[in-house]
């Protein structure tokens, strides 16, 4: 599985509307074959920072970055951002989320 985490810092004037402005990209990516999840989160400490956590089957990420909606989203997002996004992209063992061993809620 390919696990990708990307931090996006928005310009302040786009922060509140950012989730709506990237909705088409989000929905198109979630519909891709091989996409496991594509989840946006907003930082509590840095309100202009959104973290995207996404995962793909091993062969799904290449198709994602080569898709038309990905290319369009990169152009569409650029003027909304204050800085170049930061990314971690790794192949990891497993096929999805596991339960946390250190904290169990029964």
PDB file of N, CA and C in Angstrom:
ATOM      1  N   UNK A   1       0.851  -1.172   0.000  1.00  0.00           N
ATOM      2  CA  UNK A   1       0.000   0.000   0.000  1.00  0.00           C
ATOM      3  C   UNK A   1       0.895   1.232   0.000  1.00  0.00           C
ATOM      4  N   UNK A   2       0.496   2.239  -0.750  1.00  0.00           N
ATOM      5  CA  UNK A   2       1.222   3.499  -0.769  1.00  0.00           C
ATOM      6  C   UNK A   2       0.467   4.486   0.116  1.00  0.00           C
ATOM      7  N   UNK A   3       1.159   4.996   1.115  1.00  0.00           N
ATOM      8  CA  UNK A   3       0.591   5.951   2.063  1.00  0.00           C
ATOM      9  C   UNK A   3       1.219   7.312   1.799  1.00  0.00           C
ATOM     10  N   UNK A   4       0.383   8.313   1.627  1.00  0.00           N
ATOM     11  CA  UNK A   4       0.850   9.657   1.296  1.00  0.00           C
ATOM     12  C   UNK A   4       0.228  10.643   2.284  1.00  0.00           C
ATOM     13  N   UNK A   5       1.064  11.524   2.813  1.00  0.00           N
ATOM     14  CA  UNK A   5       0.608  12.588   3.698  1.00  0.00           C
ATOM     15  C   UNK A   5       1.166  13.896   3.138  1.00  0.00           C
ATOM     16  N   UNK A   6       0.272  14.853   2.898  1.00  0.00           N
ATOM     17  CA  UNK A   6       0.686  16.127   2.315  1.00  0.00           C
ATOM     18  C   UNK A   6       0.135  17.262   3.167  1.00  0.00           C
ATOM     19  N   UNK A   7       0.996  18.241   3.471  1.00  0.00           N
ATOM     20  CA  UNK A   7       0.567  19.440   4.204  1.00  0.00           C
ATOM     21  C   UNK A   7       0.451  20.602   3.225  1.00  0.00           C
ATOM     22  N   UNK A   8      -0.711  21.238   3.230  1.00  0.00           N
ATOM     23  CA  UNK A   8      -1.000  22.386   2.380  1.00  0.00           C
ATOM     24  C   UNK A   8      -1.226  23.603   3.274  1.00  0.00           C
ATOM     25  N   UNK A   9      -0.465  24.668   3.056  1.00  0.00           N
ATOM     26  CA  UNK A   9      -0.711  25.925   3.773  1.00  0.00           C
ATOM     27  C   UNK A   9      -1.432  26.878   2.832  1.00  0.00           C
ATOM     28  N   UNK A  10      -2.644  27.238   3.181  1.00  0.00           N
ATOM     29  CA  UNK A  10      -3.444  28.109   2.331  1.00  0.00           C
ATOM     30  C   UNK A  10      -3.164  29.574   2.632  1.00  0.00           C
ATOM     31  N   UNK A  11      -3.443  30.397   1.641  1.00  0.00           N
ATOM     32  CA  UNK A  11      -3.455  31.841   1.885  1.00  0.00           C
ATOM     33  C   UNK A  11      -4.662  32.112   2.773  1.00  0.00           C
ATOM     34  N   UNK A  12      -4.547  33.029   3.735  1.00  0.00           N
ATOM     35  CA  UNK A  12      -5.639  33.248   4.690  1.00  0.00           C
ATOM     36  C   UNK A  12      -7.002  33.497   4.052  1.00  0.00           C
ATOM     37  N   UNK A  13      -7.026  34.178   2.938  1.00  0.00           N
ATOM     38  CA  UNK A  13      -8.316  34.498   2.317  1.00  0.00           C
ATOM     39  C   UNK A  13      -9.005  33.272   1.701  1.00  0.00           C
ATOM     40  N   UNK A  14      -8.297  32.149   1.573  1.00  0.00           N
ATOM     41  CA  UNK A  14      -8.890  30.928   1.019  1.00  0.00           C
ATOM     42  C   UNK A  14      -9.088  29.827   2.062  1.00  0.00           C
ATOM     43  N   UNK A  15      -8.628  30.044   3.272  1.00  0.00           N
ATOM     44  CA  UNK A  15      -8.651  28.989   4.273  1.00  0.00           C
ATOM     45  C   UNK A  15     -10.055  28.460   4.544  1.00  0.00           C
ATOM     46  N   UNK A  16     -10.999  29.319   4.787  1.00  0.00           N
ATOM     47  CA  UNK A  16     -12.340  28.853   5.146  1.00  0.00           C
ATOM     48  C   UNK A  16     -13.065  28.161   3.994  1.00  0.00           C
ATOM     49  N   UNK A  17     -12.726  28.506   2.762  1.00  0.00           N
ATOM     50  CA  UNK A  17     -13.410  27.911   1.611  1.00  0.00           C
ATOM     51  C   UNK A  17     -12.591  26.810   0.941  1.00  0.00           C
ATOM     52  N   UNK A  18     -11.391  26.556   1.419  1.00  0.00           N
ATOM     53  CA  UNK A  18     -10.508  25.574   0.780  1.00  0.00           C
ATOM     54  C   UNK A  18     -11.157  24.203   0.592  1.00  0.00           C
ATOM     55  N   UNK A  19     -11.800  23.630   1.614  1.00  0.00           N
ATOM     56  CA  UNK A  19     -12.412  22.308   1.391  1.00  0.00           C
ATOM     57  C   UNK A  19     -13.417  22.294   0.231  1.00  0.00           C
ATOM     58  N   UNK A  20     -14.187  23.347   0.103  1.00  0.00           N
ATOM     59  CA  UNK A  20     -15.145  23.410  -0.999  1.00  0.00           C
ATOM     60  C   UNK A  20     -14.436  23.627  -2.337  1.00  0.00           C
ATOM     61  N   UNK A  21     -13.379  24.405  -2.321  1.00  0.00           N
ATOM     62  CA  UNK A  21     -12.640  24.695  -3.554  1.00  0.00           C
ATOM     63  C   UNK A  21     -11.926  23.461  -4.122  1.00  0.00           C
ATOM     64  N   UNK A  22     -11.638  22.486  -3.268  1.00  0.00           N
ATOM     65  CA  UNK A  22     -10.970  21.252  -3.729  1.00  0.00           C
ATOM     66  C   UNK A  22     -11.931  20.051  -3.752  1.00  0.00           C
ATOM     67  N   UNK A  23     -13.216  20.312  -3.596  1.00  0.00           N
ATOM     68  CA  UNK A  23     -14.202  19.221  -3.534  1.00  0.00           C
ATOM     69  C   UNK A  23     -14.211  18.347  -4.788  1.00  0.00           C
ATOM     70  N   UNK A  24     -14.182  18.940  -5.968  1.00  0.00           N
ATOM     71  CA  UNK A  24     -14.204  18.143  -7.197  1.00  0.00           C
ATOM     72  C   UNK A  24     -13.003  17.210  -7.266  1.00  0.00           C
ATOM     73  N   UNK A  25     -11.824  17.732  -6.919  1.00  0.00           N
ATOM     74  CA  UNK A  25     -10.606  16.914  -6.885  1.00  0.00           C
ATOM     75  C   UNK A  25     -10.745  15.784  -5.876  1.00  0.00           C
ATOM     76  N   UNK A  26     -11.262  16.100  -4.713  1.00  0.00           N
ATOM     77  CA  UNK A  26     -11.450  15.099  -3.667  1.00  0.00           C
ATOM     78  C   UNK A  26     -12.386  13.985  -4.139  1.00  0.00           C
ATOM     79  N   UNK A  27     -13.516  14.360  -4.684  1.00  0.00           N
ATOM     80  CA  UNK A  27     -14.491  13.361  -5.127  1.00  0.00           C
ATOM     81  C   UNK A  27     -13.963  12.522  -6.283  1.00  0.00           C
ATOM     82  N   UNK A  28     -13.265  13.148  -7.223  1.00  0.00           N
ATOM     83  CA  UNK A  28     -12.704  12.402  -8.350  1.00  0.00           C
ATOM     84  C   UNK A  28     -11.640  11.416  -7.885  1.00  0.00           C
ATOM     85  N   UNK A  29     -10.821  11.828  -6.925  1.00  0.00           N
ATOM     86  CA  UNK A  29      -9.781  10.930  -6.416  1.00  0.00           C
ATOM     87  C   UNK A  29     -10.388   9.772  -5.646  1.00  0.00           C
ATOM     88  N   UNK A  30     -11.373  10.041  -4.827  1.00  0.00           N
ATOM     89  CA  UNK A  30     -12.026   8.962  -4.079  1.00  0.00           C
ATOM     90  C   UNK A  30     -12.678   7.937  -4.998  1.00  0.00           C
ATOM     91  N   UNK A  31     -13.044   8.338  -6.192  1.00  0.00           N
ATOM     92  CA  UNK A  31     -13.688   7.433  -7.151  1.00  0.00           C
ATOM     93  C   UNK A  31     -12.675   6.634  -7.985  1.00  0.00           C
ATOM     94  N   UNK A  32     -11.397   6.928  -7.847  1.00  0.00           N
ATOM     95  CA  UNK A  32     -10.378   6.236  -8.633  1.00  0.00           C
ATOM     96  C   UNK A  32     -10.251   4.774  -8.221  1.00  0.00           C
ATOM     97  N   UNK A  33     -10.044   3.875  -9.193  1.00  0.00           N
ATOM     98  CA  UNK A  33      -9.698   2.497  -8.833  1.00  0.00           C
ATOM     99  C   UNK A  33      -8.370   2.510  -8.062  1.00  0.00           C
ATOM    100  N   UNK A  34      -8.301   1.755  -7.007  1.00  0.00           N
ATOM    101  CA  UNK A  34      -7.069   1.684  -6.224  1.00  0.00           C
ATOM    102  C   UNK A  34      -6.977   2.683  -5.094  1.00  0.00           C
ATOM    103  N   UNK A  35      -7.889   3.660  -5.027  1.00  0.00           N
ATOM    104  CA  UNK A  35      -7.858   4.598  -3.909  1.00  0.00           C
ATOM    105  C   UNK A  35      -8.483   3.941  -2.682  1.00  0.00           C
ATOM    106  N   UNK A  36      -7.768   3.970  -1.573  1.00  0.00           N
ATOM    107  CA  UNK A  36      -8.274   3.398  -0.321  1.00  0.00           C
ATOM    108  C   UNK A  36      -8.951   4.459   0.530  1.00  0.00           C
ATOM    109  N   UNK A  37      -8.328   5.629   0.645  1.00  0.00           N
ATOM    110  CA  UNK A  37      -8.940   6.762   1.324  1.00  0.00           C
ATOM    111  C   UNK A  37      -8.235   8.039   0.912  1.00  0.00           C
ATOM    112  N   UNK A  38      -8.936   9.148   1.110  1.00  0.00           N
ATOM    113  CA  UNK A  38      -8.464  10.472   0.729  1.00  0.00           C
ATOM    114  C   UNK A  38      -9.149  11.423   1.696  1.00  0.00           C
ATOM    115  N   UNK A  39      -8.449  11.794   2.769  1.00  0.00           N
ATOM    116  CA  UNK A  39      -9.071  12.506   3.890  1.00  0.00           C
ATOM    117  C   UNK A  39      -8.337  13.808   4.202  1.00  0.00           C
ATOM    118  N   UNK A  40      -9.078  14.892   4.225  1.00  0.00           N
ATOM    119  CA  UNK A  40      -8.549  16.200   4.585  1.00  0.00           C
ATOM    120  C   UNK A  40      -8.754  16.440   6.082  1.00  0.00           C
ATOM    121  N   UNK A  41      -7.761  17.047   6.720  1.00  0.00           N
ATOM    122  CA  UNK A  41      -7.839  17.434   8.123  1.00  0.00           C
ATOM    123  C   UNK A  41      -7.261  18.830   8.267  1.00  0.00           C
ATOM    124  N   UNK A  42      -7.852  19.616   9.170  1.00  0.00           N
ATOM    125  CA  UNK A  42      -7.367  20.977   9.413  1.00  0.00           C
ATOM    126  C   UNK A  42      -6.636  21.021  10.741  1.00  0.00           C
ATOM    127  N   UNK A  43      -5.482  21.663  10.750  1.00  0.00           N
ATOM    128  CA  UNK A  43      -4.655  21.751  11.949  1.00  0.00           C
ATOM    129  C   UNK A  43      -5.322  22.601  13.028  1.00  0.00           C
ATOM    130  N   UNK A  44      -5.228  22.152  14.259  1.00  0.00           N
ATOM    131  CA  UNK A  44      -5.717  22.937  15.396  1.00  0.00           C
ATOM    132  C   UNK A  44      -4.723  24.027  15.773  1.00  0.00           C
ATOM    133  N   UNK A  45      -3.443  23.782  15.546  1.00  0.00           N
ATOM    134  CA  UNK A  45      -2.399  24.735  15.917  1.00  0.00           C
ATOM    135  C   UNK A  45      -2.129  25.772  14.829  1.00  0.00           C
ATOM    136  N   UNK A  46      -2.284  25.376  13.565  1.00  0.00           N
ATOM    137  CA  UNK A  46      -2.026  26.262  12.439  1.00  0.00           C
ATOM    138  C   UNK A  46      -3.274  26.278  11.552  1.00  0.00           C
ATOM    139  N   UNK A  47      -4.196  27.192  11.780  1.00  0.00           N
ATOM    140  CA  UNK A  47      -5.490  27.147  11.101  1.00  0.00           C
ATOM    141  C   UNK A  47      -5.428  27.231   9.578  1.00  0.00           C
ATOM    142  N   UNK A  48      -4.326  27.711   9.006  1.00  0.00           N
ATOM    143  CA  UNK A  48      -4.197  27.774   7.549  1.00  0.00           C
ATOM    144  C   UNK A  48      -3.569  26.510   6.960  1.00  0.00           C
ATOM    145  N   UNK A  49      -3.356  25.491   7.783  1.00  0.00           N
ATOM    146  CA  UNK A  49      -2.710  24.262   7.308  1.00  0.00           C
ATOM    147  C   UNK A  49      -3.720  23.117   7.272  1.00  0.00           C
ATOM    148  N   UNK A  50      -3.808  22.493   6.107  1.00  0.00           N
ATOM    149  CA  UNK A  50      -4.629  21.306   5.906  1.00  0.00           C
ATOM    150  C   UNK A  50      -3.696  20.137   5.616  1.00  0.00           C
ATOM    151  N   UNK A  51      -3.964  19.008   6.245  1.00  0.00           N
ATOM    152  CA  UNK A  51      -3.184  17.803   5.991  1.00  0.00           C
ATOM    153  C   UNK A  51      -4.071  16.814   5.256  1.00  0.00           C
ATOM    154  N   UNK A  52      -3.551  16.301   4.163  1.00  0.00           N
ATOM    155  CA  UNK A  52      -4.244  15.300   3.367  1.00  0.00           C
ATOM    156  C   UNK A  52      -3.602  13.954   3.639  1.00  0.00           C
ATOM    157  N   UNK A  53      -4.398  12.986   4.068  1.00  0.00           N
ATOM    158  CA  UNK A  53      -3.923  11.618   4.285  1.00  0.00           C
ATOM    159  C   UNK A  53      -4.613  10.759   3.241  1.00  0.00           C
ATOM    160  N   UNK A  54      -3.815  10.116   2.398  1.00  0.00           N
ATOM    161  CA  UNK A  54      -4.377   9.327   1.319  1.00  0.00           C
ATOM    162  C   UNK A  54      -3.621   8.016   1.184  1.00  0.00           C
ATOM    163  N   UNK A  55      -4.289   7.014   0.644  1.00  0.00           N
ATOM    164  CA  UNK A  55      -3.655   5.719   0.436  1.00  0.00           C
ATOM    165  C   UNK A  55      -4.191   5.098  -0.842  1.00  0.00           C
ATOM    166  N   UNK A  56      -3.304   4.345  -1.491  1.00  0.00           N
ATOM    167  CA  UNK A  56      -3.631   3.683  -2.748  1.00  0.00           C
ATOM    168  C   UNK A  56      -3.092   2.259  -2.737  1.00  0.00           C
ATOM    169  N   UNK A  57      -3.737   1.394  -3.519  1.00  0.00           N
ATOM    170  CA  UNK A  57      -3.117   0.117  -3.816  1.00  0.00           C
ATOM    171  C   UNK A  57      -1.764   0.429  -4.449  1.00  0.00           C
ATOM    172  N   UNK A  58      -0.855  -0.517  -4.413  1.00  0.00           N
ATOM    173  CA  UNK A  58       0.502  -0.266  -4.916  1.00  0.00           C
ATOM    174  C   UNK A  58       0.546   0.288  -6.336  1.00  0.00           C
ATOM    175  N   UNK A  59      -0.391  -0.097  -7.172  1.00  0.00           N
ATOM    176  CA  UNK A  59      -0.370   0.396  -8.547  1.00  0.00           C
ATOM    177  C   UNK A  59      -1.316   1.576  -8.762  1.00  0.00           C
ATOM    178  N   UNK A  60      -1.961   2.069  -7.727  1.00  0.00           N
ATOM    179  CA  UNK A  60      -2.955   3.134  -7.875  1.00  0.00           C
ATOM    180  C   UNK A  60      -2.402   4.541  -7.857  1.00  0.00           C
ATOM    181  N   UNK A  61      -1.277   4.753  -7.196  1.00  0.00           N
ATOM    182  CA  UNK A  61      -0.764   6.120  -7.053  1.00  0.00           C
ATOM    183  C   UNK A  61      -0.258   6.684  -8.372  1.00  0.00           C
ATOM    184  N   UNK A  62       0.361   5.859  -9.200  1.00  0.00           N
ATOM    185  CA  UNK A  62       0.866   6.345 -10.488  1.00  0.00           C
ATOM    186  C   UNK A  62      -0.285   6.823 -11.366  1.00  0.00           C
ATOM    187  N   UNK A  63      -1.358   6.059 -11.407  1.00  0.00           N
ATOM    188  CA  UNK A  63      -2.534   6.462 -12.190  1.00  0.00           C
ATOM    189  C   UNK A  63      -3.113   7.768 -11.642  1.00  0.00           C
ATOM    190  N   UNK A  64      -3.064   7.930 -10.323  1.00  0.00           N
ATOM    191  CA  UNK A  64      -3.594   9.138  -9.682  1.00  0.00           C
ATOM    192  C   UNK A  64      -2.858  10.382 -10.170  1.00  0.00           C
ATOM    193  N   UNK A  65      -1.526  10.382 -10.081  1.00  0.00           N
ATOM    194  CA  UNK A  65      -0.772  11.586 -10.447  1.00  0.00           C
ATOM    195  C   UNK A  65      -0.753  11.839 -11.954  1.00  0.00           C
ATOM    196  N   UNK A  66      -1.143  10.847 -12.731  1.00  0.00           N
ATOM    197  CA  UNK A  66      -1.213  11.020 -14.176  1.00  0.00           C
ATOM    198  C   UNK A  66      -2.628  11.329 -14.672  1.00  0.00           C
ATOM    199  N   UNK A  67      -3.582  11.401 -13.756  1.00  0.00           N
ATOM    200  CA  UNK A  67      -4.974  11.646 -14.143  1.00  0.00           C
ATOM    201  C   UNK A  67      -5.186  13.114 -14.500  1.00  0.00           C
ATOM    202  N   UNK A  68      -6.187  13.356 -15.327  1.00  0.00           N
ATOM    203  CA  UNK A  68      -6.521  14.730 -15.704  1.00  0.00           C
ATOM    204  C   UNK A  68      -6.958  15.544 -14.498  1.00  0.00           C
ATOM    205  N   UNK A  69      -7.752  14.933 -13.589  1.00  0.00           N
ATOM    206  CA  UNK A  69      -8.228  15.717 -12.440  1.00  0.00           C
ATOM    207  C   UNK A  69      -7.084  16.091 -11.500  1.00  0.00           C
ATOM    208  N   UNK A  70      -6.045  15.257 -11.409  1.00  0.00           N
ATOM    209  CA  UNK A  70      -4.876  15.606 -10.596  1.00  0.00           C
ATOM    210  C   UNK A  70      -4.150  16.796 -11.221  1.00  0.00           C
ATOM    211  N   UNK A  71      -3.900  16.719 -12.521  1.00  0.00           N
ATOM    212  CA  UNK A  71      -3.195  17.805 -13.206  1.00  0.00           C
ATOM    213  C   UNK A  71      -3.974  19.112 -13.109  1.00  0.00           C
ATOM    214  N   UNK A  72      -5.279  19.042 -13.274  1.00  0.00           N
ATOM    215  CA  UNK A  72      -6.118  20.240 -13.159  1.00  0.00           C
ATOM    216  C   UNK A  72      -6.096  20.792 -11.735  1.00  0.00           C
ATOM    217  N   UNK A  73      -6.112  19.901 -10.756  1.00  0.00           N
ATOM    218  CA  UNK A  73      -6.105  20.336  -9.353  1.00  0.00           C
ATOM    219  C   UNK A  73      -4.812  21.061  -8.995  1.00  0.00           C
ATOM    220  N   UNK A  74      -3.687  20.614  -9.543  1.00  0.00           N
ATOM    221  CA  UNK A  74      -2.416  21.273  -9.247  1.00  0.00           C
ATOM    222  C   UNK A  74      -2.434  22.719  -9.756  1.00  0.00           C
ATOM    223  N   UNK A  75      -3.010  22.940 -10.912  1.00  0.00           N
ATOM    224  CA  UNK A  75      -3.132  24.297 -11.465  1.00  0.00           C
ATOM    225  C   UNK A  75      -4.127  25.116 -10.638  1.00  0.00           C
ATOM    226  N   UNK A  76      -5.261  24.499 -10.306  1.00  0.00           N
ATOM    227  CA  UNK A  76      -6.316  25.174  -9.549  1.00  0.00           C
ATOM    228  C   UNK A  76      -5.857  25.542  -8.133  1.00  0.00           C
ATOM    229  N   UNK A  77      -5.091  24.666  -7.485  1.00  0.00           N
ATOM    230  CA  UNK A  77      -4.679  24.901  -6.098  1.00  0.00           C
ATOM    231  C   UNK A  77      -3.557  25.923  -5.956  1.00  0.00           C
ATOM    232  N   UNK A  78      -2.711  26.025  -6.937  1.00  0.00           N
ATOM    233  CA  UNK A  78      -1.514  26.871  -6.805  1.00  0.00           C
ATOM    234  C   UNK A  78      -1.810  28.283  -6.294  1.00  0.00           C
ATOM    235  N   UNK A  79      -2.770  29.006  -6.850  1.00  0.00           N
ATOM    236  CA  UNK A  79      -3.014  30.365  -6.337  1.00  0.00           C
ATOM    237  C   UNK A  79      -3.661  30.407  -4.943  1.00  0.00           C
ATOM    238  N   UNK A  80      -4.144  29.270  -4.462  1.00  0.00           N
ATOM    239  CA  UNK A  80      -4.774  29.214  -3.143  1.00  0.00           C
ATOM    240  C   UNK A  80      -3.762  29.029  -2.016  1.00  0.00           C
ATOM    241  N   UNK A  81      -2.532  28.645  -2.377  1.00  0.00           N
ATOM    242  CA  UNK A  81      -1.539  28.234  -1.389  1.00  0.00           C
ATOM    243  C   UNK A  81      -0.503  29.306  -1.095  1.00  0.00           C
ATOM    244  N   UNK A  82      -0.065  29.340   0.167  1.00  0.00           N
ATOM    245  CA  UNK A  82       0.955  30.286   0.607  1.00  0.00           C
ATOM    246  C   UNK A  82       2.362  29.746   0.400  1.00  0.00           C
ATOM    247  N   UNK A  83       2.503  28.416   0.416  1.00  0.00           N
ATOM    248  CA  UNK A  83       3.816  27.776   0.279  1.00  0.00           C
ATOM    249  C   UNK A  83       3.676  26.490  -0.530  1.00  0.00           C
ATOM    250  N   UNK A  84       4.796  25.973  -0.974  1.00  0.00           N
ATOM    251  CA  UNK A  84       4.818  24.676  -1.650  1.00  0.00           C
ATOM    252  C   UNK A  84       4.461  23.599  -0.632  1.00  0.00           C
ATOM    253  N   UNK A  85       3.538  22.705  -0.967  1.00  0.00           N
ATOM    254  CA  UNK A  85       3.168  21.638  -0.016  1.00  0.00           C
ATOM    255  C   UNK A  85       4.358  20.752   0.352  1.00  0.00           C
ATOM    256  N   UNK A  86       4.290  20.192   1.548  1.00  0.00           N
ATOM    257  CA  UNK A  86       5.274  19.222   2.036  1.00  0.00           C
ATOM    258  C   UNK A  86       4.647  17.841   1.983  1.00  0.00           C
ATOM    259  N   UNK A  87       5.421  16.829   1.570  1.00  0.00           N
ATOM    260  CA  UNK A  87       4.864  15.502   1.342  1.00  0.00           C
ATOM    261  C   UNK A  87       5.738  14.403   1.933  1.00  0.00           C
ATOM    262  N   UNK A  88       5.066  13.371   2.407  1.00  0.00           N
ATOM    263  CA  UNK A  88       5.704  12.089   2.750  1.00  0.00           C
ATOM    264  C   UNK A  88       4.952  11.053   1.938  1.00  0.00           C
ATOM    265  N   UNK A  89       5.677  10.261   1.154  1.00  0.00           N
ATOM    266  CA  UNK A  89       5.067   9.214   0.340  1.00  0.00           C
ATOM    267  C   UNK A  89       5.894   7.946   0.521  1.00  0.00           C
ATOM    268  N   UNK A  90       5.261   6.897   1.055  1.00  0.00           N
ATOM    269  CA  UNK A  90       5.980   5.661   1.349  1.00  0.00           C
ATOM    270  C   UNK A  90       5.137   4.445   1.009  1.00  0.00           C
ATOM    271  N   UNK A  91       5.801   3.399   0.610  1.00  0.00           N
ATOM    272  CA  UNK A  91       5.149   2.099   0.496  1.00  0.00           C
ATOM    273  C   UNK A  91       5.219   1.455   1.864  1.00  0.00           C
ATOM    274  N   UNK A  92       4.082   1.018   2.374  1.00  0.00           N
ATOM    275  CA  UNK A  92       4.027   0.422   3.710  1.00  0.00           C
ATOM    276  C   UNK A  92       3.364  -0.950   3.623  1.00  0.00           C
ATOM    277  N   UNK A  93       3.664  -1.778   4.593  1.00  0.00           N
ATOM    278  CA  UNK A  93       3.022  -3.085   4.674  1.00  0.00           C
ATOM    279  C   UNK A  93       1.570  -2.903   5.086  1.00  0.00           C
ATOM    280  N   UNK A  94       0.746  -3.843   4.694  1.00  0.00           N
ATOM    281  CA  UNK A  94      -0.644  -3.812   5.100  1.00  0.00           C
ATOM    282  C   UNK A  94      -1.546  -3.381   3.967  1.00  0.00           C
ATOM    283  N   UNK A  95      -2.834  -3.398   4.272  1.00  0.00           N
ATOM    284  CA  UNK A  95      -3.828  -3.092   3.265  1.00  0.00           C
ATOM    285  C   UNK A  95      -4.870  -2.097   3.784  1.00  0.00           C
ATOM    286  N   UNK A  96      -4.579  -1.485   4.927  1.00  0.00           N
ATOM    287  CA  UNK A  96      -5.535  -0.549   5.502  1.00  0.00           C
ATOM    288  C   UNK A  96      -5.167  -0.232   6.937  1.00  0.00           C
ATOM    289  N   UNK A  97      -6.115   0.366   7.617  1.00  0.00           N
ATOM    290  CA  UNK A  97      -5.920   0.751   9.015  1.00  0.00           C
ATOM    291  C   UNK A  97      -5.914  -0.486   9.920  1.00  0.00           C
ATOM    292  N   UNK A  98      -5.052  -0.474  10.929  1.00  0.00           N
ATOM    293  CA  UNK A  98      -5.041  -1.483  11.979  1.00  0.00           C
ATOM    294  C   UNK A  98      -5.515  -0.838  13.272  1.00  0.00           C
ATOM    295  N   UNK A  99      -5.902  -1.662  14.226  1.00  0.00           N
ATOM    296  CA  UNK A  99      -6.269  -1.134  15.545  1.00  0.00           C
ATOM    297  C   UNK A  99      -5.003  -0.832  16.343  1.00  0.00           C
ATOM    298  N   UNK A 100      -5.053   0.223  17.121  1.00  0.00           N
ATOM    299  CA  UNK A 100      -3.925   0.623  17.955  1.00  0.00           C
ATOM    300  C   UNK A 100      -3.793  -0.336  19.118  1.00  0.00           C
ATOM    301  N   UNK A 101      -2.621  -0.910  19.295  1.00  0.00           N
ATOM    302  CA  UNK A 101      -2.395  -1.876  20.360  1.00  0.00           C
ATOM    303  C   UNK A 101      -2.241  -1.251  21.738  1.00  0.00           C
ATOM    304  N   UNK A 102      -1.755  -0.014  21.794  1.00  0.00           N
ATOM    305  CA  UNK A 102      -1.470   0.639  23.076  1.00  0.00           C
ATOM    306  C   UNK A 102      -2.706   1.246  23.719  1.00  0.00           C
ATOM    307  N   UNK A 103      -3.777   1.381  22.988  1.00  0.00           N
ATOM    308  CA  UNK A 103      -4.986   1.967  23.541  1.00  0.00           C
ATOM    309  C   UNK A 103      -6.181   1.224  22.971  1.00  0.00           C
ATOM    310  N   UNK A 104      -6.842   0.479  23.812  1.00  0.00           N
ATOM    311  CA  UNK A 104      -7.990  -0.306  23.387  1.00  0.00           C
ATOM    312  C   UNK A 104      -9.252   0.242  24.030  1.00  0.00           C
ATOM    313  N   UNK A 105     -10.289   0.410  23.252  1.00  0.00           N
ATOM    314  CA  UNK A 105     -11.586   0.826  23.751  1.00  0.00           C
ATOM    315  C   UNK A 105     -12.536  -0.301  23.409  1.00  0.00           C
ATOM    316  N   UNK A 106     -13.084  -0.918  24.436  1.00  0.00           N
ATOM    317  CA  UNK A 106     -13.982  -2.059  24.206  1.00  0.00           C
ATOM    318  C   UNK A 106     -15.421  -1.657  24.286  1.00  0.00           C
TER     319      UNK A 106
END
